């Protein structure tokens, strides 16, 4: 029996990141996962190691890397994605078809469950990011997103490119009304690494 217990524990140590996260989830977190059709997911290393913005239309700052933001959370976290969705975006296998997709960082605290809803576009350049938006916003895309695209392109030249965007935040299933960029800086005290408006790195 003791030998069996050690064997199971060893398996969890090697393979058990997802298992342990699933076991650690509270009843509230599990209920939200079921209601939203979400399952545990492992993002790509490129996404986790990359930087992100927290305002789609007019980002002022770059934060990152993603894995540092995850490590800053005080409650247990788990990455989630819609059940049945492809494990990787098409752009990673077909560079001519840029695709962004949604992944969620769940923070499971005793008093609340927060969802940090990210768009992973780690397979896209800023220009591809713009072209992708033109498919949905048509003629309004340039008016709405050109300034952001230009700032992101300049940031890339300074080795501060981004792989994703924190699109919005939910708490206990309800949308947080504040812009994610404001929540990160004012509430969570997350320091950005790059000022997009001034186009300069921010010292830690």
N, C-alpha and C. Protein backbone atom coordinates (compact mmCIF):
# COMPACT_ATOMS: atom_id res chain seq x y z
N UNK A 1 0.82 -1.21 0.00
CA UNK A 1 0.00 0.00 0.00
C UNK A 1 0.86 1.26 0.00
N UNK A 2 1.88 1.27 0.86
CA UNK A 2 2.78 2.44 0.92
C UNK A 2 3.46 2.63 -0.42
N UNK A 3 3.87 1.52 -1.04
CA UNK A 3 4.55 1.60 -2.33
C UNK A 3 3.60 2.20 -3.38
N UNK A 4 2.32 1.83 -3.31
CA UNK A 4 1.33 2.36 -4.25
C UNK A 4 1.13 3.86 -4.05
N UNK A 5 1.09 4.29 -2.79
CA UNK A 5 0.91 5.73 -2.50
C UNK A 5 2.06 6.53 -3.08
N UNK A 6 3.30 6.04 -2.88
CA UNK A 6 4.47 6.75 -3.42
C UNK A 6 4.44 6.77 -4.94
N UNK A 7 3.96 5.67 -5.56
CA UNK A 7 3.89 5.61 -7.01
C UNK A 7 2.92 6.65 -7.55
N UNK A 8 1.75 6.78 -6.90
CA UNK A 8 0.76 7.77 -7.32
C UNK A 8 1.29 9.18 -7.12
N UNK A 9 1.94 9.43 -5.98
CA UNK A 9 2.49 10.75 -5.71
C UNK A 9 3.57 11.12 -6.72
N UNK A 10 4.40 10.14 -7.07
CA UNK A 10 5.44 10.39 -8.07
C UNK A 10 4.84 10.72 -9.41
N UNK A 11 3.75 10.05 -9.80
CA UNK A 11 3.08 10.34 -11.06
C UNK A 11 2.56 11.78 -11.07
N UNK A 12 1.98 12.22 -9.95
CA UNK A 12 1.44 13.57 -9.89
C UNK A 12 2.54 14.62 -9.94
N UNK A 13 3.69 14.31 -9.33
CA UNK A 13 4.79 15.26 -9.38
C UNK A 13 5.29 15.46 -10.80
N UNK A 14 5.31 14.38 -11.57
CA UNK A 14 5.82 14.46 -12.93
C UNK A 14 4.79 15.02 -13.89
N UNK A 15 3.55 14.51 -13.80
CA UNK A 15 2.53 14.87 -14.78
C UNK A 15 1.39 15.70 -14.20
N UNK A 16 1.48 16.01 -12.93
CA UNK A 16 0.26 16.42 -12.24
C UNK A 16 -0.06 17.87 -12.16
N UNK A 17 0.61 18.79 -12.91
CA UNK A 17 0.24 20.18 -12.82
C UNK A 17 -1.24 20.37 -13.03
N UNK A 18 -1.78 19.83 -14.12
CA UNK A 18 -3.19 19.96 -14.42
C UNK A 18 -4.06 19.25 -13.41
N UNK A 19 -3.62 18.01 -12.97
CA UNK A 19 -4.41 17.26 -12.02
C UNK A 19 -4.51 18.00 -10.69
N UNK A 20 -3.37 18.49 -10.20
CA UNK A 20 -3.37 19.17 -8.92
C UNK A 20 -4.19 20.44 -8.98
N UNK A 21 -4.11 21.17 -10.10
CA UNK A 21 -4.91 22.36 -10.24
C UNK A 21 -6.39 22.02 -10.21
N UNK A 22 -6.77 20.93 -10.89
CA UNK A 22 -8.18 20.53 -10.93
C UNK A 22 -8.66 20.15 -9.54
N UNK A 23 -7.83 19.41 -8.76
CA UNK A 23 -8.20 19.03 -7.41
C UNK A 23 -8.34 20.25 -6.51
N UNK A 24 -7.49 21.26 -6.75
CA UNK A 24 -7.48 22.42 -5.87
C UNK A 24 -8.67 23.35 -6.11
N UNK A 25 -9.37 23.20 -7.20
CA UNK A 25 -10.46 24.12 -7.53
C UNK A 25 -11.58 24.04 -6.51
N UNK A 26 -12.10 25.20 -6.12
CA UNK A 26 -13.22 25.26 -5.18
C UNK A 26 -14.51 24.86 -5.86
N UNK A 27 -15.55 24.66 -5.06
CA UNK A 27 -16.86 24.32 -5.62
C UNK A 27 -17.36 25.44 -6.54
N UNK A 28 -17.12 26.70 -6.13
CA UNK A 28 -17.56 27.83 -6.94
C UNK A 28 -16.83 27.85 -8.29
N UNK A 29 -15.51 27.59 -8.24
CA UNK A 29 -14.73 27.58 -9.48
C UNK A 29 -15.19 26.45 -10.40
N UNK A 30 -15.43 25.28 -9.84
CA UNK A 30 -15.88 24.15 -10.65
C UNK A 30 -17.25 24.41 -11.26
N UNK A 31 -18.14 25.07 -10.50
CA UNK A 31 -19.47 25.39 -11.01
C UNK A 31 -19.38 26.37 -12.18
N UNK A 32 -18.49 27.36 -12.07
CA UNK A 32 -18.32 28.33 -13.15
C UNK A 32 -17.72 27.66 -14.39
N UNK A 33 -16.77 26.76 -14.18
CA UNK A 33 -16.20 26.03 -15.32
C UNK A 33 -17.29 25.25 -16.06
N UNK A 34 -18.12 24.55 -15.30
CA UNK A 34 -19.16 23.74 -15.91
C UNK A 34 -20.19 24.62 -16.63
N UNK A 35 -20.56 25.73 -16.01
CA UNK A 35 -21.56 26.62 -16.61
C UNK A 35 -21.05 27.23 -17.91
N UNK A 36 -19.73 27.46 -18.00
CA UNK A 36 -19.15 28.09 -19.18
C UNK A 36 -18.52 27.10 -20.15
N UNK A 37 -18.62 25.81 -19.85
CA UNK A 37 -18.06 24.80 -20.74
C UNK A 37 -16.56 24.90 -20.89
N UNK A 38 -15.84 25.06 -19.76
CA UNK A 38 -14.40 25.27 -19.79
C UNK A 38 -13.65 24.06 -19.25
N UNK A 39 -12.45 23.87 -19.76
CA UNK A 39 -11.60 22.76 -19.33
C UNK A 39 -10.18 23.27 -19.12
N UNK A 40 -9.42 22.54 -18.32
CA UNK A 40 -8.02 22.90 -18.05
C UNK A 40 -7.22 22.85 -19.34
N UNK A 41 -6.33 23.83 -19.50
CA UNK A 41 -5.59 24.00 -20.75
C UNK A 41 -4.18 24.46 -20.45
N UNK A 42 -3.21 24.06 -21.26
CA UNK A 42 -1.83 24.50 -21.11
C UNK A 42 -1.45 25.40 -22.28
N UNK A 43 -1.26 26.70 -22.05
CA UNK A 43 -0.87 27.61 -23.14
C UNK A 43 0.52 27.28 -23.67
N UNK A 44 0.84 27.82 -24.83
CA UNK A 44 2.15 27.60 -25.42
C UNK A 44 3.22 28.34 -24.62
N UNK A 45 4.44 27.84 -24.68
CA UNK A 45 5.55 28.49 -24.00
C UNK A 45 5.77 29.89 -24.56
N UNK A 46 5.54 30.05 -25.87
CA UNK A 46 5.72 31.36 -26.49
C UNK A 46 4.78 32.38 -25.88
N UNK A 47 3.54 31.99 -25.65
CA UNK A 47 2.57 32.90 -25.03
C UNK A 47 2.97 33.22 -23.59
N UNK A 48 3.30 32.21 -22.82
CA UNK A 48 3.63 32.41 -21.41
C UNK A 48 4.87 33.27 -21.22
N UNK A 49 5.82 33.13 -22.14
CA UNK A 49 7.08 33.87 -22.02
C UNK A 49 6.99 35.28 -22.60
N UNK A 50 5.87 35.59 -23.27
CA UNK A 50 5.75 36.87 -23.96
C UNK A 50 5.05 37.93 -23.13
N UNK A 51 5.01 39.13 -23.68
CA UNK A 51 4.38 40.28 -23.04
C UNK A 51 2.95 40.47 -23.55
N UNK A 52 2.20 41.34 -22.86
CA UNK A 52 0.81 41.55 -23.25
C UNK A 52 0.37 42.99 -22.98
N UNK A 53 -0.68 43.40 -23.67
CA UNK A 53 -1.33 44.68 -23.40
C UNK A 53 -2.66 44.39 -22.72
N UNK A 54 -3.27 45.45 -22.17
CA UNK A 54 -4.52 45.25 -21.43
C UNK A 54 -5.59 46.25 -21.86
N UNK A 55 -5.49 46.71 -23.11
CA UNK A 55 -6.50 47.58 -23.70
C UNK A 55 -6.41 47.37 -25.20
N UNK A 56 -7.47 46.87 -25.81
CA UNK A 56 -7.43 46.51 -27.23
C UNK A 56 -7.30 47.73 -28.13
N UNK A 57 -8.05 48.78 -27.84
CA UNK A 57 -8.15 49.90 -28.77
C UNK A 57 -7.07 50.95 -28.54
N UNK A 58 -6.81 51.29 -27.29
CA UNK A 58 -5.83 52.35 -27.01
C UNK A 58 -4.90 51.95 -25.87
N UNK A 59 -4.08 50.93 -26.06
CA UNK A 59 -3.19 50.52 -24.97
C UNK A 59 -2.14 51.59 -24.68
N UNK A 60 -1.91 51.82 -23.39
CA UNK A 60 -0.90 52.79 -23.00
C UNK A 60 0.38 52.15 -22.54
N UNK A 61 0.29 50.86 -22.17
CA UNK A 61 1.45 50.20 -21.58
C UNK A 61 1.52 48.73 -22.02
N UNK A 62 2.72 48.19 -21.93
CA UNK A 62 2.94 46.76 -22.12
C UNK A 62 3.32 46.16 -20.77
N UNK A 63 2.72 45.01 -20.45
CA UNK A 63 3.00 44.28 -19.22
C UNK A 63 3.66 42.95 -19.59
N UNK A 64 4.30 42.35 -18.60
CA UNK A 64 4.81 41.03 -18.91
C UNK A 64 6.05 40.63 -18.14
N UNK A 65 6.47 39.41 -18.43
CA UNK A 65 5.78 38.45 -19.31
C UNK A 65 4.52 37.88 -18.67
N UNK A 66 3.74 37.15 -19.45
CA UNK A 66 2.48 36.57 -18.95
C UNK A 66 2.73 35.71 -17.73
N UNK A 67 3.78 34.89 -17.77
CA UNK A 67 4.04 33.97 -16.66
C UNK A 67 4.39 34.72 -15.37
N UNK A 68 4.95 35.93 -15.49
CA UNK A 68 5.22 36.74 -14.31
C UNK A 68 3.92 37.24 -13.70
N UNK A 69 2.96 37.61 -14.55
CA UNK A 69 1.65 38.03 -14.04
C UNK A 69 0.98 36.87 -13.31
N UNK A 70 1.05 35.67 -13.88
CA UNK A 70 0.47 34.50 -13.23
C UNK A 70 1.11 34.29 -11.86
N UNK A 71 2.43 34.39 -11.80
CA UNK A 71 3.14 34.17 -10.54
C UNK A 71 2.81 35.22 -9.49
N UNK A 72 2.34 36.39 -9.92
CA UNK A 72 2.02 37.46 -8.98
C UNK A 72 0.69 37.26 -8.27
N UNK A 73 -0.13 36.33 -8.75
CA UNK A 73 -1.45 36.12 -8.15
C UNK A 73 -1.29 35.40 -6.82
N UNK A 74 -2.06 35.82 -5.82
CA UNK A 74 -1.93 35.27 -4.47
C UNK A 74 -2.76 34.02 -4.24
N UNK A 75 -3.73 33.75 -5.11
CA UNK A 75 -4.59 32.58 -4.98
C UNK A 75 -4.25 31.57 -6.08
N UNK A 76 -4.67 30.30 -5.92
CA UNK A 76 -4.39 29.28 -6.94
C UNK A 76 -4.92 29.68 -8.31
N UNK A 77 -4.13 29.42 -9.35
CA UNK A 77 -4.51 29.77 -10.72
C UNK A 77 -4.53 28.54 -11.60
N UNK A 78 -5.39 28.58 -12.61
CA UNK A 78 -5.49 27.51 -13.60
C UNK A 78 -5.83 28.14 -14.95
N UNK A 79 -5.15 27.68 -16.00
CA UNK A 79 -5.51 28.12 -17.35
C UNK A 79 -6.66 27.28 -17.87
N UNK A 80 -7.62 27.94 -18.48
CA UNK A 80 -8.82 27.27 -18.99
C UNK A 80 -9.05 27.66 -20.44
N UNK A 81 -9.76 26.79 -21.13
CA UNK A 81 -10.20 27.09 -22.49
C UNK A 81 -11.49 26.34 -22.77
N UNK A 82 -12.24 26.79 -23.75
CA UNK A 82 -13.52 26.16 -24.08
C UNK A 82 -13.30 24.69 -24.44
N UNK A 83 -14.13 23.83 -23.88
CA UNK A 83 -14.01 22.40 -24.15
C UNK A 83 -14.18 22.11 -25.63
N UNK A 84 -13.33 21.25 -26.16
CA UNK A 84 -13.41 20.86 -27.56
C UNK A 84 -12.71 21.79 -28.51
N UNK A 85 -12.16 22.92 -28.02
CA UNK A 85 -11.46 23.84 -28.92
C UNK A 85 -10.11 23.25 -29.29
N UNK A 86 -9.57 23.58 -30.47
CA UNK A 86 -8.25 23.08 -30.86
C UNK A 86 -7.20 23.47 -29.84
N UNK A 87 -6.20 22.62 -29.69
CA UNK A 87 -5.18 22.87 -28.69
C UNK A 87 -4.26 24.03 -29.07
N UNK A 88 -4.11 24.32 -30.34
CA UNK A 88 -3.25 25.40 -30.78
C UNK A 88 -3.92 26.18 -31.92
N UNK A 89 -3.68 27.48 -32.03
CA UNK A 89 -4.27 28.25 -33.12
C UNK A 89 -3.71 27.82 -34.46
N UNK A 90 -4.49 28.01 -35.50
CA UNK A 90 -4.06 27.59 -36.84
C UNK A 90 -2.80 28.28 -37.30
N UNK A 91 -2.55 29.51 -36.80
CA UNK A 91 -1.41 30.27 -37.27
C UNK A 91 -0.08 29.62 -36.93
N UNK A 92 -0.05 28.78 -35.90
CA UNK A 92 1.20 28.13 -35.54
C UNK A 92 1.56 27.03 -36.53
N UNK A 93 0.58 26.54 -37.28
CA UNK A 93 0.84 25.52 -38.28
C UNK A 93 0.71 26.06 -39.70
N UNK A 94 0.02 27.19 -39.85
CA UNK A 94 -0.17 27.81 -41.15
C UNK A 94 0.05 29.31 -41.03
N UNK A 95 1.27 29.80 -41.28
CA UNK A 95 1.58 31.22 -41.09
C UNK A 95 0.72 32.15 -41.93
N UNK A 96 0.10 31.63 -43.01
CA UNK A 96 -0.73 32.49 -43.87
C UNK A 96 -2.13 32.70 -43.32
N UNK A 97 -2.44 32.04 -42.21
CA UNK A 97 -3.77 32.16 -41.63
C UNK A 97 -3.66 32.59 -40.17
N UNK A 98 -3.42 33.89 -39.92
CA UNK A 98 -3.28 34.33 -38.53
C UNK A 98 -4.59 34.19 -37.77
N UNK A 99 -4.51 33.68 -36.58
CA UNK A 99 -5.70 33.45 -35.77
C UNK A 99 -5.38 33.82 -34.32
N UNK A 100 -6.29 34.53 -33.68
CA UNK A 100 -6.18 34.74 -32.24
C UNK A 100 -7.25 33.91 -31.56
N UNK A 101 -6.98 33.49 -30.34
CA UNK A 101 -7.97 32.67 -29.66
C UNK A 101 -7.99 32.99 -28.18
N UNK A 102 -9.07 32.63 -27.53
CA UNK A 102 -9.33 33.02 -26.15
C UNK A 102 -8.86 31.95 -25.18
N UNK A 103 -8.10 32.38 -24.17
CA UNK A 103 -7.77 31.51 -23.05
C UNK A 103 -7.98 32.30 -21.77
N UNK A 104 -8.27 31.60 -20.71
CA UNK A 104 -8.69 32.24 -19.46
C UNK A 104 -7.79 31.81 -18.32
N UNK A 105 -7.30 32.79 -17.57
CA UNK A 105 -6.58 32.51 -16.34
C UNK A 105 -7.59 32.62 -15.19
N UNK A 106 -7.86 31.49 -14.56
CA UNK A 106 -8.77 31.46 -13.42
C UNK A 106 -7.97 31.68 -12.14
N UNK A 107 -8.39 32.64 -11.32
CA UNK A 107 -7.80 32.84 -9.99
C UNK A 107 -8.87 32.50 -8.96
N UNK A 108 -8.62 31.46 -8.21
CA UNK A 108 -9.63 30.86 -7.33
C UNK A 108 -9.36 31.27 -5.88
N UNK A 109 -9.95 32.39 -5.45
CA UNK A 109 -9.80 32.88 -4.09
C UNK A 109 -11.03 32.48 -3.25
N UNK A 110 -10.89 32.43 -1.92
CA UNK A 110 -12.02 32.02 -1.08
C UNK A 110 -13.26 32.90 -1.27
N UNK A 111 -13.05 34.22 -1.42
CA UNK A 111 -14.19 35.13 -1.49
C UNK A 111 -14.64 35.43 -2.91
N UNK A 112 -13.83 35.03 -3.92
CA UNK A 112 -14.19 35.33 -5.30
C UNK A 112 -13.41 34.45 -6.25
N UNK A 113 -13.99 34.26 -7.44
CA UNK A 113 -13.28 33.58 -8.54
C UNK A 113 -13.18 34.59 -9.66
N UNK A 114 -11.95 34.88 -10.05
CA UNK A 114 -11.72 35.85 -11.12
C UNK A 114 -11.26 35.15 -12.39
N UNK A 115 -11.78 35.63 -13.51
CA UNK A 115 -11.33 35.19 -14.83
C UNK A 115 -10.60 36.35 -15.50
N UNK A 116 -9.35 36.14 -15.85
CA UNK A 116 -8.60 37.09 -16.66
C UNK A 116 -8.64 36.53 -18.09
N UNK A 117 -9.42 37.15 -18.93
CA UNK A 117 -9.70 36.62 -20.27
C UNK A 117 -8.70 37.21 -21.26
N UNK A 118 -7.79 36.36 -21.75
CA UNK A 118 -6.74 36.76 -22.66
C UNK A 118 -7.07 36.36 -24.09
N UNK A 119 -6.58 37.17 -25.03
CA UNK A 119 -6.54 36.77 -26.43
C UNK A 119 -5.09 36.44 -26.75
N UNK A 120 -4.85 35.23 -27.19
CA UNK A 120 -3.50 34.81 -27.58
C UNK A 120 -3.35 35.04 -29.08
N UNK A 121 -2.51 35.99 -29.46
CA UNK A 121 -2.20 36.16 -30.89
C UNK A 121 -0.69 36.06 -31.08
N UNK A 122 -0.10 35.07 -30.41
CA UNK A 122 1.35 34.90 -30.45
C UNK A 122 1.86 34.51 -31.84
N UNK A 123 0.94 34.10 -32.74
CA UNK A 123 1.36 33.76 -34.08
C UNK A 123 1.29 34.92 -35.05
N UNK A 124 0.97 36.14 -34.57
CA UNK A 124 0.75 37.28 -35.46
C UNK A 124 1.73 38.41 -35.22
N UNK A 125 2.10 39.10 -36.30
CA UNK A 125 2.80 40.37 -36.22
C UNK A 125 1.75 41.46 -36.02
N UNK A 126 2.16 42.70 -35.63
CA UNK A 126 1.17 43.77 -35.51
C UNK A 126 0.38 44.01 -36.80
N UNK A 127 1.03 43.86 -37.96
CA UNK A 127 0.33 44.06 -39.23
C UNK A 127 -0.71 42.96 -39.45
N UNK A 128 -0.35 41.71 -39.13
CA UNK A 128 -1.32 40.62 -39.24
C UNK A 128 -2.47 40.82 -38.27
N UNK A 129 -2.14 41.32 -37.09
CA UNK A 129 -3.16 41.63 -36.07
C UNK A 129 -4.16 42.63 -36.65
N UNK A 130 -3.65 43.62 -37.38
CA UNK A 130 -4.51 44.63 -38.00
C UNK A 130 -5.36 44.01 -39.11
N UNK A 131 -4.73 43.20 -39.96
CA UNK A 131 -5.46 42.56 -41.05
C UNK A 131 -6.57 41.65 -40.51
N UNK A 132 -6.30 40.99 -39.42
CA UNK A 132 -7.31 40.11 -38.81
C UNK A 132 -8.52 40.92 -38.37
N UNK A 133 -8.29 42.11 -37.82
CA UNK A 133 -9.40 42.95 -37.39
C UNK A 133 -10.20 43.51 -38.56
N UNK A 134 -9.54 43.73 -39.68
CA UNK A 134 -10.26 44.23 -40.86
C UNK A 134 -11.33 43.25 -41.33
N UNK A 135 -11.13 41.96 -41.05
CA UNK A 135 -12.13 40.96 -41.43
C UNK A 135 -13.44 41.18 -40.70
N UNK A 136 -13.36 41.74 -39.50
CA UNK A 136 -14.56 41.90 -38.68
C UNK A 136 -15.06 43.33 -38.62
N UNK A 137 -14.13 44.31 -38.68
CA UNK A 137 -14.51 45.71 -38.51
C UNK A 137 -14.55 46.49 -39.82
N UNK A 138 -14.11 45.85 -40.91
CA UNK A 138 -14.15 46.45 -42.24
C UNK A 138 -13.47 47.83 -42.26
N UNK A 139 -14.16 48.82 -42.81
CA UNK A 139 -13.56 50.15 -42.99
C UNK A 139 -13.28 50.84 -41.66
N UNK A 140 -13.94 50.42 -40.59
CA UNK A 140 -13.73 51.06 -39.30
C UNK A 140 -12.45 50.58 -38.61
N UNK A 141 -11.84 49.51 -39.13
CA UNK A 141 -10.67 48.94 -38.48
C UNK A 141 -9.52 49.92 -38.41
N UNK A 142 -9.24 50.61 -39.53
CA UNK A 142 -8.12 51.55 -39.55
C UNK A 142 -8.36 52.70 -38.57
N UNK A 143 -9.56 53.21 -38.57
CA UNK A 143 -9.89 54.32 -37.68
C UNK A 143 -9.76 53.91 -36.22
N UNK A 144 -10.18 52.68 -35.91
CA UNK A 144 -10.23 52.23 -34.53
C UNK A 144 -8.88 51.71 -34.01
N UNK A 145 -8.16 50.97 -34.86
CA UNK A 145 -6.99 50.25 -34.37
C UNK A 145 -5.64 50.72 -34.91
N UNK A 146 -5.62 51.64 -35.87
CA UNK A 146 -4.35 52.03 -36.49
C UNK A 146 -3.35 52.58 -35.48
N UNK A 147 -3.82 53.43 -34.58
CA UNK A 147 -2.90 54.02 -33.59
C UNK A 147 -2.26 52.94 -32.73
N UNK A 148 -3.08 51.97 -32.30
CA UNK A 148 -2.55 50.87 -31.49
C UNK A 148 -1.55 50.05 -32.29
N UNK A 149 -1.88 49.75 -33.56
CA UNK A 149 -0.98 48.99 -34.41
C UNK A 149 0.36 49.68 -34.56
N UNK A 150 0.34 51.00 -34.80
CA UNK A 150 1.58 51.75 -34.97
C UNK A 150 2.43 51.73 -33.70
N UNK A 151 1.79 51.88 -32.55
CA UNK A 151 2.54 51.86 -31.29
C UNK A 151 3.14 50.48 -31.03
N UNK A 152 2.39 49.42 -31.38
CA UNK A 152 2.90 48.07 -31.18
C UNK A 152 4.06 47.76 -32.12
N UNK A 153 3.97 48.26 -33.36
CA UNK A 153 5.07 48.05 -34.29
C UNK A 153 6.35 48.73 -33.81
N UNK A 154 6.22 49.93 -33.28
CA UNK A 154 7.39 50.63 -32.74
C UNK A 154 7.96 49.90 -31.54
N UNK A 155 7.08 49.35 -30.70
CA UNK A 155 7.54 48.60 -29.53
C UNK A 155 8.30 47.35 -29.95
N UNK A 156 7.86 46.72 -31.04
CA UNK A 156 8.57 45.54 -31.55
C UNK A 156 10.00 45.89 -31.92
N UNK A 157 10.19 47.07 -32.50
CA UNK A 157 11.53 47.50 -32.89
C UNK A 157 12.43 47.71 -31.68
N UNK A 158 11.82 47.95 -30.51
CA UNK A 158 12.58 48.13 -29.28
C UNK A 158 12.61 46.86 -28.45
N UNK A 159 12.32 45.71 -29.10
CA UNK A 159 12.34 44.40 -28.45
C UNK A 159 11.33 44.30 -27.32
N UNK A 160 10.18 44.95 -27.49
CA UNK A 160 9.11 44.86 -26.49
C UNK A 160 7.79 44.49 -27.17
N UNK A 161 7.86 43.53 -28.06
CA UNK A 161 6.64 43.07 -28.73
C UNK A 161 5.71 42.35 -27.77
N UNK A 162 4.47 42.12 -28.21
CA UNK A 162 3.48 41.45 -27.37
C UNK A 162 2.97 40.19 -28.06
N UNK A 163 2.50 39.25 -27.25
CA UNK A 163 1.94 38.00 -27.78
C UNK A 163 0.46 37.87 -27.48
N UNK A 164 -0.08 38.81 -26.72
CA UNK A 164 -1.48 38.67 -26.35
C UNK A 164 -2.03 39.93 -25.73
N UNK A 165 -3.29 39.82 -25.37
CA UNK A 165 -4.02 40.97 -24.84
C UNK A 165 -4.98 40.49 -23.76
N UNK A 166 -4.95 41.17 -22.63
CA UNK A 166 -5.94 40.92 -21.59
C UNK A 166 -7.19 41.70 -21.98
N UNK A 167 -8.20 41.00 -22.49
CA UNK A 167 -9.36 41.65 -23.10
C UNK A 167 -10.34 42.16 -22.04
N UNK A 168 -10.66 41.33 -21.05
CA UNK A 168 -11.55 41.78 -19.98
C UNK A 168 -11.39 40.87 -18.77
N UNK A 169 -12.00 41.28 -17.66
CA UNK A 169 -11.92 40.55 -16.40
C UNK A 169 -13.34 40.27 -15.90
N UNK A 170 -13.56 39.07 -15.41
CA UNK A 170 -14.83 38.71 -14.79
C UNK A 170 -14.59 38.34 -13.33
N UNK A 171 -15.56 38.64 -12.49
CA UNK A 171 -15.48 38.25 -11.08
C UNK A 171 -16.78 37.58 -10.68
N UNK A 172 -16.69 36.32 -10.25
CA UNK A 172 -17.87 35.53 -9.90
C UNK A 172 -18.89 35.52 -11.03
N UNK A 173 -18.38 35.47 -12.26
CA UNK A 173 -19.26 35.38 -13.43
C UNK A 173 -19.75 36.71 -13.95
N UNK A 174 -19.43 37.82 -13.27
CA UNK A 174 -19.89 39.14 -13.70
C UNK A 174 -18.72 39.94 -14.28
N UNK A 175 -18.99 40.69 -15.34
CA UNK A 175 -17.97 41.49 -15.99
C UNK A 175 -17.54 42.64 -15.10
N UNK A 176 -16.22 42.81 -14.95
CA UNK A 176 -15.68 43.96 -14.24
C UNK A 176 -15.70 45.15 -15.19
N UNK A 177 -16.36 46.23 -14.80
CA UNK A 177 -16.61 47.35 -15.70
C UNK A 177 -15.34 48.12 -16.05
N UNK A 178 -14.34 48.13 -15.19
CA UNK A 178 -13.13 48.91 -15.43
C UNK A 178 -12.29 48.30 -16.54
N UNK A 179 -11.54 49.15 -17.24
CA UNK A 179 -10.59 48.69 -18.24
C UNK A 179 -9.53 47.82 -17.56
N UNK A 180 -9.19 46.67 -18.15
CA UNK A 180 -8.17 45.81 -17.53
C UNK A 180 -6.86 46.54 -17.23
N UNK A 181 -6.46 47.46 -18.10
CA UNK A 181 -5.22 48.20 -17.85
C UNK A 181 -5.30 48.98 -16.54
N UNK A 182 -6.46 49.56 -16.27
CA UNK A 182 -6.66 50.30 -15.02
C UNK A 182 -6.64 49.37 -13.83
N UNK A 183 -7.26 48.19 -13.96
CA UNK A 183 -7.27 47.22 -12.87
C UNK A 183 -5.85 46.76 -12.54
N UNK A 184 -5.08 46.45 -13.57
CA UNK A 184 -3.71 45.98 -13.35
C UNK A 184 -2.89 47.02 -12.61
N UNK A 185 -2.95 48.27 -13.05
CA UNK A 185 -2.08 49.30 -12.47
C UNK A 185 -2.59 49.82 -11.13
N UNK A 186 -3.88 50.11 -11.02
CA UNK A 186 -4.40 50.75 -9.82
C UNK A 186 -4.74 49.76 -8.70
N UNK A 187 -5.38 48.66 -9.08
CA UNK A 187 -5.84 47.71 -8.06
C UNK A 187 -4.81 46.64 -7.74
N UNK A 188 -4.26 46.02 -8.78
CA UNK A 188 -3.33 44.90 -8.57
C UNK A 188 -1.88 45.34 -8.43
N UNK A 189 -1.61 46.61 -8.68
CA UNK A 189 -0.26 47.17 -8.54
C UNK A 189 0.76 46.42 -9.42
N UNK A 190 0.33 46.07 -10.64
CA UNK A 190 1.23 45.42 -11.60
C UNK A 190 1.96 46.51 -12.39
N UNK A 191 3.27 46.52 -12.29
CA UNK A 191 4.06 47.56 -12.97
C UNK A 191 4.25 47.18 -14.43
N UNK A 192 3.96 48.09 -15.35
CA UNK A 192 4.22 47.82 -16.77
C UNK A 192 5.72 47.84 -17.04
N UNK A 193 6.10 47.26 -18.18
CA UNK A 193 7.52 47.22 -18.55
C UNK A 193 7.85 48.20 -19.67
N UNK A 194 6.79 48.74 -20.33
CA UNK A 194 7.03 49.62 -21.48
C UNK A 194 5.89 50.61 -21.60
N UNK A 195 6.25 51.90 -21.82
CA UNK A 195 5.27 52.95 -22.03
C UNK A 195 5.07 53.12 -23.54
N UNK A 196 3.90 52.75 -24.05
CA UNK A 196 3.65 52.80 -25.48
C UNK A 196 3.53 54.23 -26.01
N UNK A 197 3.01 55.13 -25.21
CA UNK A 197 2.85 56.51 -25.68
C UNK A 197 4.18 57.24 -25.77
N UNK A 198 5.07 56.97 -24.81
CA UNK A 198 6.38 57.59 -24.83
C UNK A 198 7.42 56.73 -25.54
N UNK A 199 7.02 55.50 -25.89
CA UNK A 199 7.91 54.56 -26.59
C UNK A 199 9.25 54.38 -25.88
N UNK A 200 9.14 54.03 -24.58
CA UNK A 200 10.36 53.78 -23.84
C UNK A 200 10.12 52.72 -22.78
N UNK A 201 11.18 51.98 -22.46
CA UNK A 201 11.11 50.96 -21.42
C UNK A 201 11.01 51.63 -20.05
N UNK A 202 10.33 50.93 -19.15
CA UNK A 202 10.16 51.43 -17.78
C UNK A 202 11.05 50.62 -16.87
N UNK A 203 11.89 51.32 -16.11
CA UNK A 203 12.81 50.63 -15.21
C UNK A 203 12.04 49.96 -14.09
N UNK A 204 12.44 48.72 -13.71
CA UNK A 204 11.75 48.04 -12.61
C UNK A 204 11.96 48.74 -11.29
